[in-house]
Amino acid sequence: MKKFVVLIAAAIVSVSAMAQVQFGGKVGVDMTNFWGPNVEHGMKPGYQVGLIMEYKVSPKFGIAPEVVFAAQGGKSKALAFDINNHGLELTSTDIKYNANYINVPVMFKYYATPEFSIDLGPQVGFNVYNKVKVKGDDETYDLKDGTKPVDFGMGLGATFNITDNAFVQARYTLGLTKVFKEEYVLGENKAKNGNVQIAFGMKF
């Protein structure tokens, strides 16, 4: 029994020694848009700031969950909202959609070299702010009730570790769920989020 306990303890110590856990934060810029059928989209600049954790299970593989606040949205001509009870009705005109999400990606990392990793993983986003601005209209309209509260996506990117603590990161996150509730959108609109991200971060 004692030998068994010693073996288990040795295995735990060995795994703990191999694995490396780091915490940190990152800031960056986003270029966001909508994509999908019947969506004439344009890119909109935004930003992101968040916390990260990386669990390196071996020299080649790691897992990196994050919690990121991101300013997203997009520009479009083809979105058509029926918001009679919310003070806005429009069809085809230039609009800018501003949204804030709290995104929680979980990235699986493959280290091609000790400094460079390819990152792939799912993301869930929680919608906390939604406004729409119509070209030629001085008023900004609240669209939170017309937007789905949860957004699912898939991220693909890369991370380059400048030092043991500093890194730069590039990623594209493709939204997989429709942004707007069907009862608020006129016609066939299946707009989904797209997000190009460039970030700088520190790990400790």
C-alpha atoms as a PDB file:
ATOM      1  CA  MET A   1       0.000   0.000   0.000  1.00  0.00           C
ATOM      2  CA  LYS A   2       2.798   2.373   0.878  1.00  0.00           C
ATOM      3  CA  LYS A   3       4.525   1.638  -2.422  1.00  0.00           C
ATOM      4  CA  PHE A   4       1.253   2.346  -4.284  1.00  0.00           C
ATOM      5  CA  VAL A   5       0.842   5.709  -2.504  1.00  0.00           C
ATOM      6  CA  VAL A   6       4.461   6.593  -3.270  1.00  0.00           C
ATOM      7  CA  LEU A   7       3.956   5.741  -6.945  1.00  0.00           C
ATOM      8  CA  ILE A   8       0.782   7.867  -7.162  1.00  0.00           C
ATOM      9  CA  ALA A   9       2.520  10.790  -5.437  1.00  0.00           C
ATOM     10  CA  ALA A  10       5.500  10.466  -7.775  1.00  0.00           C
ATOM     11  CA  ALA A  11       3.193  10.453 -10.807  1.00  0.00           C
ATOM     12  CA  ILE A  12       1.383  13.596  -9.609  1.00  0.00           C
ATOM     13  CA  VAL A  13       4.672  15.368  -8.962  1.00  0.00           C
ATOM     14  CA  SER A  14       5.962  14.302 -12.373  1.00  0.00           C
ATOM     15  CA  VAL A  15       2.852  15.589 -14.194  1.00  0.00           C
ATOM     16  CA  SER A  16       2.928  18.826 -12.196  1.00  0.00           C
ATOM     17  CA  ALA A  17       6.566  19.329 -13.079  1.00  0.00           C
ATOM     18  CA  MET A  18       5.855  18.823 -16.783  1.00  0.00           C
ATOM     19  CA  ALA A  19       2.843  21.133 -16.858  1.00  0.00           C
ATOM     20  CA  GLN A  20       3.229  24.892 -16.748  1.00  0.00           C
ATOM     21  CA  VAL A  21       0.439  27.259 -15.781  1.00  0.00           C
ATOM     22  CA  GLN A  22       0.674  30.980 -16.538  1.00  0.00           C
ATOM     23  CA  PHE A  23      -1.800  33.818 -16.021  1.00  0.00           C
ATOM     24  CA  GLY A  24      -1.840  37.199 -17.687  1.00  0.00           C
ATOM     25  CA  GLY A  25      -3.707  39.774 -19.688  1.00  0.00           C
ATOM     26  CA  LYS A  26      -3.924  41.171 -23.200  1.00  0.00           C
ATOM     27  CA  VAL A  27      -5.122  44.243 -25.101  1.00  0.00           C
ATOM     28  CA  GLY A  28      -5.650  44.687 -28.791  1.00  0.00           C
ATOM     29  CA  VAL A  29      -7.567  45.994 -31.755  1.00  0.00           C
ATOM     30  CA  ASP A  30     -10.412  44.308 -33.623  1.00  0.00           C
ATOM     31  CA  MET A  31     -11.823  44.660 -37.103  1.00  0.00           C
ATOM     32  CA  THR A  32     -15.355  43.298 -36.953  1.00  0.00           C
ATOM     33  CA  ASN A  33     -18.146  42.728 -39.423  1.00  0.00           C
ATOM     34  CA  PHE A  34     -21.235  40.679 -40.217  1.00  0.00           C
ATOM     35  CA  TRP A  35     -21.179  37.808 -42.662  1.00  0.00           C
ATOM     36  CA  GLY A  36     -23.829  35.577 -44.199  1.00  0.00           C
ATOM     37  CA  PRO A  37     -26.441  35.517 -46.988  1.00  0.00           C
ATOM     38  CA  ASN A  38     -28.104  38.827 -47.837  1.00  0.00           C
ATOM     39  CA  VAL A  39     -25.573  40.818 -45.817  1.00  0.00           C
ATOM     40  CA  GLU A  40     -23.653  43.622 -47.524  1.00  0.00           C
ATOM     41  CA  HIS A  41     -21.107  44.155 -44.803  1.00  0.00           C
ATOM     42  CA  GLY A  42     -18.251  46.510 -44.031  1.00  0.00           C
ATOM     43  CA  MET A  43     -15.484  46.320 -41.454  1.00  0.00           C
ATOM     44  CA  LYS A  44     -15.751  48.294 -38.219  1.00  0.00           C
ATOM     45  CA  PRO A  45     -12.780  49.032 -35.912  1.00  0.00           C
ATOM     46  CA  GLY A  46     -13.035  47.983 -32.275  1.00  0.00           C
ATOM     47  CA  TYR A  47     -10.903  46.921 -29.334  1.00  0.00           C
ATOM     48  CA  GLN A  48     -10.476  44.137 -26.805  1.00  0.00           C
ATOM     49  CA  VAL A  49      -9.083  43.739 -23.297  1.00  0.00           C
ATOM     50  CA  GLY A  50      -9.039  40.588 -21.222  1.00  0.00           C
ATOM     51  CA  LEU A  51      -7.499  38.006 -18.939  1.00  0.00           C
ATOM     52  CA  ILE A  52      -5.840  34.794 -20.034  1.00  0.00           C
ATOM     53  CA  MET A  53      -4.589  31.528 -18.579  1.00  0.00           C
ATOM     54  CA  GLU A  54      -2.348  29.018 -20.315  1.00  0.00           C
ATOM     55  CA  TYR A  55      -1.903  25.441 -19.173  1.00  0.00           C
ATOM     56  CA  LYS A  56       0.991  23.861 -21.040  1.00  0.00           C
ATOM     57  CA  VAL A  57       0.538  20.114 -20.717  1.00  0.00           C
ATOM     58  CA  SER A  58       3.653  19.303 -22.745  1.00  0.00           C
ATOM     59  CA  PRO A  59       6.291  21.126 -24.824  1.00  0.00           C
ATOM     60  CA  LYS A  60       4.016  20.782 -27.881  1.00  0.00           C
ATOM     61  CA  PHE A  61       0.480  21.253 -26.534  1.00  0.00           C
ATOM     62  CA  GLY A  62      -1.366  23.736 -24.348  1.00  0.00           C
ATOM     63  CA  ILE A  63      -4.866  24.911 -23.405  1.00  0.00           C
ATOM     64  CA  ALA A  64      -5.589  28.632 -23.063  1.00  0.00           C
ATOM     65  CA  PRO A  65      -8.990  29.830 -21.778  1.00  0.00           C
ATOM     66  CA  GLU A  66      -9.643  33.587 -21.840  1.00  0.00           C
ATOM     67  CA  VAL A  67     -12.211  36.109 -20.647  1.00  0.00           C
ATOM     68  CA  VAL A  68     -12.234  39.090 -23.026  1.00  0.00           C
ATOM     69  CA  PHE A  69     -14.320  42.261 -23.246  1.00  0.00           C
ATOM     70  CA  ALA A  70     -14.647  43.152 -26.935  1.00  0.00           C
ATOM     71  CA  ALA A  71     -16.223  46.054 -28.817  1.00  0.00           C
ATOM     72  CA  GLN A  72     -17.737  44.484 -31.931  1.00  0.00           C
ATOM     73  CA  GLY A  73     -20.470  45.127 -34.486  1.00  0.00           C
ATOM     74  CA  GLY A  74     -20.324  46.080 -38.116  1.00  0.00           C
ATOM     75  CA  LYS A  75     -21.501  48.254 -40.973  1.00  0.00           C
ATOM     76  CA  SER A  76     -24.232  47.181 -43.355  1.00  0.00           C
ATOM     77  CA  LYS A  77     -26.788  48.252 -45.939  1.00  0.00           C
ATOM     78  CA  ALA A  78     -28.865  45.102 -46.011  1.00  0.00           C
ATOM     79  CA  LEU A  79     -30.038  44.850 -42.401  1.00  0.00           C
ATOM     80  CA  ALA A  80     -33.733  45.655 -42.102  1.00  0.00           C
ATOM     81  CA  PHE A  81     -35.280  46.040 -38.667  1.00  0.00           C
ATOM     82  CA  ASP A  82     -38.933  46.134 -37.662  1.00  0.00           C
ATOM     83  CA  ILE A  83     -38.862  47.979 -34.381  1.00  0.00           C
ATOM     84  CA  ASN A  84     -42.176  49.784 -34.418  1.00  0.00           C
ATOM     85  CA  ASN A  85     -42.359  49.692 -30.650  1.00  0.00           C
ATOM     86  CA  HIS A  86     -38.783  50.878 -30.296  1.00  0.00           C
ATOM     87  CA  GLY A  87     -38.878  54.010 -32.425  1.00  0.00           C
ATOM     88  CA  LEU A  88     -37.129  52.772 -35.573  1.00  0.00           C
ATOM     89  CA  GLU A  89     -38.164  51.298 -38.887  1.00  0.00           C
ATOM     90  CA  LEU A  90     -35.706  51.074 -41.785  1.00  0.00           C
ATOM     91  CA  THR A  91     -35.020  48.980 -44.848  1.00  0.00           C
ATOM     92  CA  SER A  92     -31.961  49.471 -47.039  1.00  0.00           C
ATOM     93  CA  THR A  93     -29.710  52.258 -45.817  1.00  0.00           C
ATOM     94  CA  ASP A  94     -26.257  52.695 -44.290  1.00  0.00           C
ATOM     95  CA  ILE A  95     -26.186  51.703 -40.639  1.00  0.00           C
ATOM     96  CA  LYS A  96     -23.464  51.137 -38.055  1.00  0.00           C
ATOM     97  CA  TYR A  97     -24.061  48.524 -35.406  1.00  0.00           C
ATOM     98  CA  ASN A  98     -22.154  48.808 -32.107  1.00  0.00           C
ATOM     99  CA  ALA A  99     -22.081  45.848 -29.730  1.00  0.00           C
ATOM    100  CA  ASN A 100     -20.107  44.844 -26.665  1.00  0.00           C
ATOM    101  CA  TYR A 101     -19.494  41.195 -25.860  1.00  0.00           C
ATOM    102  CA  ILE A 102     -17.861  39.338 -23.010  1.00  0.00           C
ATOM    103  CA  ASN A 103     -16.187  36.512 -24.920  1.00  0.00           C
ATOM    104  CA  VAL A 104     -14.888  33.288 -23.408  1.00  0.00           C
ATOM    105  CA  PRO A 105     -12.705  31.426 -25.926  1.00  0.00           C
ATOM    106  CA  VAL A 106     -10.910  28.187 -25.068  1.00  0.00           C
ATOM    107  CA  MET A 107      -7.964  27.786 -27.412  1.00  0.00           C
ATOM    108  CA  PHE A 108      -6.095  24.543 -27.985  1.00  0.00           C
ATOM    109  CA  LYS A 109      -2.498  25.372 -28.817  1.00  0.00           C
ATOM    110  CA  TYR A 110       0.001  23.410 -30.890  1.00  0.00           C
ATOM    111  CA  TYR A 111       3.584  24.644 -30.528  1.00  0.00           C
ATOM    112  CA  ALA A 112       5.286  24.300 -33.906  1.00  0.00           C
ATOM    113  CA  THR A 113       8.363  25.816 -32.235  1.00  0.00           C
ATOM    114  CA  PRO A 114       8.976  26.800 -28.590  1.00  0.00           C
ATOM    115  CA  GLU A 115       8.051  30.396 -29.511  1.00  0.00           C
ATOM    116  CA  PHE A 116       5.244  29.904 -32.032  1.00  0.00           C
ATOM    117  CA  SER A 117       1.872  28.211 -31.581  1.00  0.00           C
ATOM    118  CA  ILE A 118      -1.134  27.587 -33.818  1.00  0.00           C
ATOM    119  CA  ASP A 119      -4.356  28.193 -31.865  1.00  0.00           C
ATOM    120  CA  LEU A 120      -7.787  26.691 -32.509  1.00  0.00           C
ATOM    121  CA  GLY A 121     -10.861  26.509 -30.330  1.00  0.00           C
ATOM    122  CA  PRO A 122     -14.505  27.380 -29.615  1.00  0.00           C
ATOM    123  CA  GLN A 123     -15.826  30.635 -28.189  1.00  0.00           C
ATOM    124  CA  VAL A 124     -19.003  31.635 -26.402  1.00  0.00           C
ATOM    125  CA  GLY A 125     -19.893  35.339 -26.260  1.00  0.00           C
ATOM    126  CA  PHE A 126     -22.363  37.118 -23.975  1.00  0.00           C
ATOM    127  CA  ASN A 127     -23.967  40.201 -25.497  1.00  0.00           C
ATOM    128  CA  VAL A 128     -24.117  43.124 -23.042  1.00  0.00           C
ATOM    129  CA  TYR A 129     -24.643  46.233 -25.216  1.00  0.00           C
ATOM    130  CA  ASN A 130     -26.286  46.879 -28.578  1.00  0.00           C
ATOM    131  CA  LYS A 131     -26.852  50.170 -30.375  1.00  0.00           C
ATOM    132  CA  VAL A 132     -27.566  50.989 -34.001  1.00  0.00           C
ATOM    133  CA  LYS A 133     -26.841  54.290 -35.760  1.00  0.00           C
ATOM    134  CA  VAL A 134     -28.571  55.146 -39.034  1.00  0.00           C
ATOM    135  CA  LYS A 135     -26.788  57.356 -41.563  1.00  0.00           C
ATOM    136  CA  GLY A 136     -28.373  60.808 -41.631  1.00  0.00           C
ATOM    137  CA  ASP A 137     -30.115  60.295 -38.289  1.00  0.00           C
ATOM    138  CA  ASP A 138     -28.722  62.006 -35.198  1.00  0.00           C
ATOM    139  CA  GLU A 139     -30.368  59.523 -32.838  1.00  0.00           C
ATOM    140  CA  THR A 140     -28.872  56.214 -31.670  1.00  0.00           C
ATOM    141  CA  TYR A 141     -31.302  53.345 -31.132  1.00  0.00           C
ATOM    142  CA  ASP A 142     -31.125  50.565 -28.549  1.00  0.00           C
ATOM    143  CA  LEU A 143     -31.280  47.151 -30.195  1.00  0.00           C
ATOM    144  CA  LYS A 144     -30.491  44.871 -27.259  1.00  0.00           C
ATOM    145  CA  ASP A 145     -33.979  43.315 -27.229  1.00  0.00           C
ATOM    146  CA  GLY A 146     -33.554  42.417 -30.903  1.00  0.00           C
ATOM    147  CA  THR A 147     -30.199  40.694 -30.472  1.00  0.00           C
ATOM    148  CA  LYS A 148     -29.559  37.165 -29.259  1.00  0.00           C
ATOM    149  CA  PRO A 149     -27.895  37.187 -25.814  1.00  0.00           C
ATOM    150  CA  VAL A 150     -25.410  34.384 -26.567  1.00  0.00           C
ATOM    151  CA  ASP A 151     -23.119  34.010 -29.562  1.00  0.00           C
ATOM    152  CA  PHE A 152     -21.124  30.898 -30.455  1.00  0.00           C
ATOM    153  CA  GLY A 153     -18.072  30.918 -32.681  1.00  0.00           C
ATOM    154  CA  MET A 154     -14.830  29.214 -33.647  1.00  0.00           C
ATOM    155  CA  GLY A 155     -11.422  30.876 -33.494  1.00  0.00           C
ATOM    156  CA  LEU A 156      -8.271  30.176 -35.506  1.00  0.00           C
ATOM    157  CA  GLY A 157      -5.020  32.058 -35.084  1.00  0.00           C
ATOM    158  CA  ALA A 158      -1.437  32.069 -33.923  1.00  0.00           C
ATOM    159  CA  THR A 159       0.655  33.307 -31.008  1.00  0.00           C
ATOM    160  CA  PHE A 160       4.302  34.337 -31.064  1.00  0.00           C
ATOM    161  CA  ASN A 161       6.067  34.492 -27.705  1.00  0.00           C
ATOM    162  CA  ILE A 162       8.511  37.397 -27.886  1.00  0.00           C
ATOM    163  CA  THR A 163       9.925  36.444 -24.485  1.00  0.00           C
ATOM    164  CA  ASP A 164       8.890  33.996 -21.757  1.00  0.00           C
ATOM    165  CA  ASN A 165       6.308  36.580 -20.659  1.00  0.00           C
ATOM    166  CA  ALA A 166       5.441  38.833 -23.623  1.00  0.00           C
ATOM    167  CA  PHE A 167       3.524  37.703 -26.708  1.00  0.00           C
ATOM    168  CA  VAL A 168       1.716  38.949 -29.800  1.00  0.00           C
ATOM    169  CA  GLN A 169      -1.348  37.250 -31.167  1.00  0.00           C
ATOM    170  CA  ALA A 170      -3.472  37.211 -34.314  1.00  0.00           C
ATOM    171  CA  ARG A 171      -6.843  35.472 -34.603  1.00  0.00           C
ATOM    172  CA  TYR A 172      -9.997  35.309 -36.657  1.00  0.00           C
ATOM    173  CA  THR A 173     -13.216  34.279 -34.920  1.00  0.00           C
ATOM    174  CA  LEU A 174     -16.061  33.107 -37.134  1.00  0.00           C
ATOM    175  CA  GLY A 175     -19.531  33.443 -35.636  1.00  0.00           C
ATOM    176  CA  LEU A 176     -21.710  30.343 -36.001  1.00  0.00           C
ATOM    177  CA  THR A 177     -25.049  31.661 -34.726  1.00  0.00           C
ATOM    178  CA  LYS A 178     -27.302  34.414 -36.068  1.00  0.00           C
ATOM    179  CA  VAL A 179     -26.866  37.754 -34.304  1.00  0.00           C
ATOM    180  CA  PHE A 180     -30.448  39.028 -34.509  1.00  0.00           C
ATOM    181  CA  LYS A 181     -33.738  37.572 -33.341  1.00  0.00           C
ATOM    182  CA  GLU A 182     -36.011  36.640 -36.232  1.00  0.00           C
ATOM    183  CA  GLU A 183     -38.985  38.633 -34.957  1.00  0.00           C
ATOM    184  CA  TYR A 184     -36.937  41.852 -35.195  1.00  0.00           C
ATOM    185  CA  VAL A 185     -35.533  41.348 -38.688  1.00  0.00           C
ATOM    186  CA  LEU A 186     -37.449  41.897 -41.920  1.00  0.00           C
ATOM    187  CA  GLY A 187     -36.809  39.367 -44.672  1.00  0.00           C
ATOM    188  CA  GLU A 188     -34.138  36.696 -44.801  1.00  0.00           C
ATOM    189  CA  ASN A 189     -31.256  37.966 -42.728  1.00  0.00           C
ATOM    190  CA  LYS A 190     -28.756  35.510 -41.293  1.00  0.00           C
ATOM    191  CA  ALA A 191     -26.042  37.891 -40.171  1.00  0.00           C
ATOM    192  CA  LYS A 192     -23.304  36.361 -38.026  1.00  0.00           C
ATOM    193  CA  ASN A 193     -20.317  37.929 -36.313  1.00  0.00           C
ATOM    194  CA  GLY A 194     -16.818  37.994 -37.770  1.00  0.00           C
ATOM    195  CA  ASN A 195     -13.827  39.301 -35.842  1.00  0.00           C
ATOM    196  CA  VAL A 196     -10.179  39.855 -36.865  1.00  0.00           C
ATOM    197  CA  GLN A 197      -8.048  40.386 -33.733  1.00  0.00           C
ATOM    198  CA  ILE A 198      -4.496  41.592 -33.185  1.00  0.00           C
ATOM    199  CA  ALA A 199      -3.360  41.643 -29.547  1.00  0.00           C
ATOM    200  CA  PHE A 200      -0.350  42.136 -27.313  1.00  0.00           C
ATOM    201  CA  GLY A 201      -0.175  40.445 -23.914  1.00  0.00           C
ATOM    202  CA  MET A 202       1.878  39.513 -20.888  1.00  0.00           C
ATOM    203  CA  LYS A 203       2.021  36.206 -19.000  1.00  0.00           C
ATOM    204  CA  PHE A 204       3.320  35.724 -15.471  1.00  0.00           C
END
